[in-house]
Amino acid sequence: MDLTVYSASWCRDCREAKRFLEKHNIPYTEIDIESTPGAAHAVISNVGKRAIPQFVLNGKWIQPYRPGQGFLHAEMAELFGVPHP
């Protein structure tokens, strides 16, 4: 499994997404859109807007949160095959 997380230090939903991955021992590579040249453009090019966090799982872009609802714990648990309380 190859997982990249596009995020930023100021992003609350990004912190929640990374906590979820770390809790379930899911390895990932993080790309900070504020400090990595071209990263923000990559997000915009692939999802049509500057919306983070974004997961790129085996080349597929996935938005792991819903605006106004936050991180999608149940959906991401199912996607990664981990338990969800």
C-alpha atoms as a PDB file:
ATOM      1  CA  MET A   1       0.000   0.000   0.000  1.00  0.00           C
ATOM      2  CA  ASP A   2       1.363   3.400  -1.000  1.00  0.00           C
ATOM      3  CA  LEU A   3      -0.268   6.275   0.884  1.00  0.00           C
ATOM      4  CA  THR A   4       0.577   9.961   0.620  1.00  0.00           C
ATOM      5  CA  VAL A   5      -1.155  12.589   2.741  1.00  0.00           C
ATOM      6  CA  TYR A   6      -1.307  16.189   1.539  1.00  0.00           C
ATOM      7  CA  SER A   7      -1.696  18.427   4.567  1.00  0.00           C
ATOM      8  CA  ALA A   8      -0.640  21.608   6.359  1.00  0.00           C
ATOM      9  CA  SER A   9       0.350  22.229   9.966  1.00  0.00           C
ATOM     10  CA  TRP A  10      -2.535  24.671  10.557  1.00  0.00           C
ATOM     11  CA  CYS A  11      -5.200  22.235   9.287  1.00  0.00           C
ATOM     12  CA  ARG A  12      -7.345  20.681  12.046  1.00  0.00           C
ATOM     13  CA  ASP A  13      -8.817  18.014   9.729  1.00  0.00           C
ATOM     14  CA  CYS A  14      -5.277  17.111   8.620  1.00  0.00           C
ATOM     15  CA  ARG A  15      -4.209  16.524  12.221  1.00  0.00           C
ATOM     16  CA  GLU A  16      -7.258  14.310  12.757  1.00  0.00           C
ATOM     17  CA  ALA A  17      -6.497  12.334   9.582  1.00  0.00           C
ATOM     18  CA  LYS A  18      -2.897  11.735  10.680  1.00  0.00           C
ATOM     19  CA  ARG A  19      -4.038  10.703  14.193  1.00  0.00           C
ATOM     20  CA  PHE A  20      -6.341   8.129  12.574  1.00  0.00           C
ATOM     21  CA  LEU A  21      -3.513   6.717  10.440  1.00  0.00           C
ATOM     22  CA  GLU A  22      -1.081   6.608  13.356  1.00  0.00           C
ATOM     23  CA  LYS A  23      -3.654   4.983  15.674  1.00  0.00           C
ATOM     24  CA  HIS A  24      -4.076   2.164  13.165  1.00  0.00           C
ATOM     25  CA  ASN A  25      -0.362   1.915  12.298  1.00  0.00           C
ATOM     26  CA  ILE A  26      -0.994   2.813   8.665  1.00  0.00           C
ATOM     27  CA  PRO A  27       2.263   4.038   7.122  1.00  0.00           C
ATOM     28  CA  TYR A  28       2.127   7.189   5.018  1.00  0.00           C
ATOM     29  CA  THR A  29       4.267   9.886   3.476  1.00  0.00           C
ATOM     30  CA  GLU A  30       3.261  13.420   4.354  1.00  0.00           C
ATOM     31  CA  ILE A  31       3.528  16.338   1.955  1.00  0.00           C
ATOM     32  CA  ASP A  32       3.022  19.782   3.499  1.00  0.00           C
ATOM     33  CA  ILE A  33       1.408  21.995   0.871  1.00  0.00           C
ATOM     34  CA  GLU A  34       2.865  25.106   2.520  1.00  0.00           C
ATOM     35  CA  SER A  35       6.517  24.017   2.399  1.00  0.00           C
ATOM     36  CA  THR A  36       6.723  21.630  -0.569  1.00  0.00           C
ATOM     37  CA  PRO A  37       7.079  23.407  -3.921  1.00  0.00           C
ATOM     38  CA  GLY A  38       4.294  22.391  -6.300  1.00  0.00           C
ATOM     39  CA  ALA A  39       2.281  20.489  -3.680  1.00  0.00           C
ATOM     40  CA  ALA A  40      -0.629  22.949  -3.504  1.00  0.00           C
ATOM     41  CA  HIS A  41      -0.763  22.967  -7.311  1.00  0.00           C
ATOM     42  CA  ALA A  42      -0.863  19.139  -7.323  1.00  0.00           C
ATOM     43  CA  VAL A  43      -3.891  19.196  -5.002  1.00  0.00           C
ATOM     44  CA  ILE A  44      -5.682  21.791  -7.131  1.00  0.00           C
ATOM     45  CA  SER A  45      -4.857  19.904 -10.348  1.00  0.00           C
ATOM     46  CA  ASN A  46      -6.221  16.627  -9.007  1.00  0.00           C
ATOM     47  CA  VAL A  47      -9.259  17.698  -6.989  1.00  0.00           C
ATOM     48  CA  GLY A  48     -10.140  21.055  -8.521  1.00  0.00           C
ATOM     49  CA  LYS A  49      -9.627  23.099  -5.364  1.00  0.00           C
ATOM     50  CA  ARG A  50      -7.171  23.671  -2.557  1.00  0.00           C
ATOM     51  CA  ALA A  51      -8.796  21.258  -0.123  1.00  0.00           C
ATOM     52  CA  ILE A  52      -6.815  19.328   2.465  1.00  0.00           C
ATOM     53  CA  PRO A  53      -6.302  16.773   3.806  1.00  0.00           C
ATOM     54  CA  GLN A  54      -6.098  14.620   0.726  1.00  0.00           C
ATOM     55  CA  PHE A  55      -5.050  10.990   0.646  1.00  0.00           C
ATOM     56  CA  VAL A  56      -3.430   9.512  -2.433  1.00  0.00           C
ATOM     57  CA  LEU A  57      -3.793   5.760  -2.023  1.00  0.00           C
ATOM     58  CA  ASN A  58      -2.027   3.708  -4.692  1.00  0.00           C
ATOM     59  CA  GLY A  59      -2.383   6.638  -7.092  1.00  0.00           C
ATOM     60  CA  LYS A  60      -6.067   7.365  -6.352  1.00  0.00           C
ATOM     61  CA  TRP A  61      -6.987  10.728  -4.790  1.00  0.00           C
ATOM     62  CA  ILE A  62      -9.388  10.467  -1.830  1.00  0.00           C
ATOM     63  CA  GLN A  63     -10.848  13.269   0.265  1.00  0.00           C
ATOM     64  CA  PRO A  64     -11.034  11.763   3.784  1.00  0.00           C
ATOM     65  CA  TYR A  65     -13.275  14.441   5.240  1.00  0.00           C
ATOM     66  CA  ARG A  66     -16.496  16.236   4.439  1.00  0.00           C
ATOM     67  CA  PRO A  67     -16.674  20.026   4.957  1.00  0.00           C
ATOM     68  CA  GLY A  68     -18.740  20.785   8.018  1.00  0.00           C
ATOM     69  CA  GLN A  69     -18.607  17.153   9.188  1.00  0.00           C
ATOM     70  CA  GLY A  70     -14.872  16.606   9.606  1.00  0.00           C
ATOM     71  CA  PHE A  71     -12.882  13.409   9.153  1.00  0.00           C
ATOM     72  CA  LEU A  72     -14.842  10.427   7.832  1.00  0.00           C
ATOM     73  CA  HIS A  73     -13.818   7.866  10.453  1.00  0.00           C
ATOM     74  CA  ALA A  74     -16.234   5.089   9.453  1.00  0.00           C
ATOM     75  CA  GLU A  75     -15.573   5.405   5.709  1.00  0.00           C
ATOM     76  CA  MET A  76     -11.789   5.522   6.147  1.00  0.00           C
ATOM     77  CA  ALA A  77     -11.873   2.578   8.585  1.00  0.00           C
ATOM     78  CA  GLU A  78     -13.712   0.558   5.942  1.00  0.00           C
ATOM     79  CA  LEU A  79     -11.334   1.686   3.175  1.00  0.00           C
ATOM     80  CA  PHE A  80      -8.259   0.679   5.180  1.00  0.00           C
ATOM     81  CA  GLY A  81      -9.821  -2.437   6.722  1.00  0.00           C
ATOM     82  CA  VAL A  82      -9.399  -1.326  10.325  1.00  0.00           C
ATOM     83  CA  PRO A  83     -11.890  -1.475  13.208  1.00  0.00           C
ATOM     84  CA  HIS A  84     -14.195   1.450  13.820  1.00  0.00           C
ATOM     85  CA  PRO A  85     -15.868   1.760  17.209  1.00  0.00           C
END
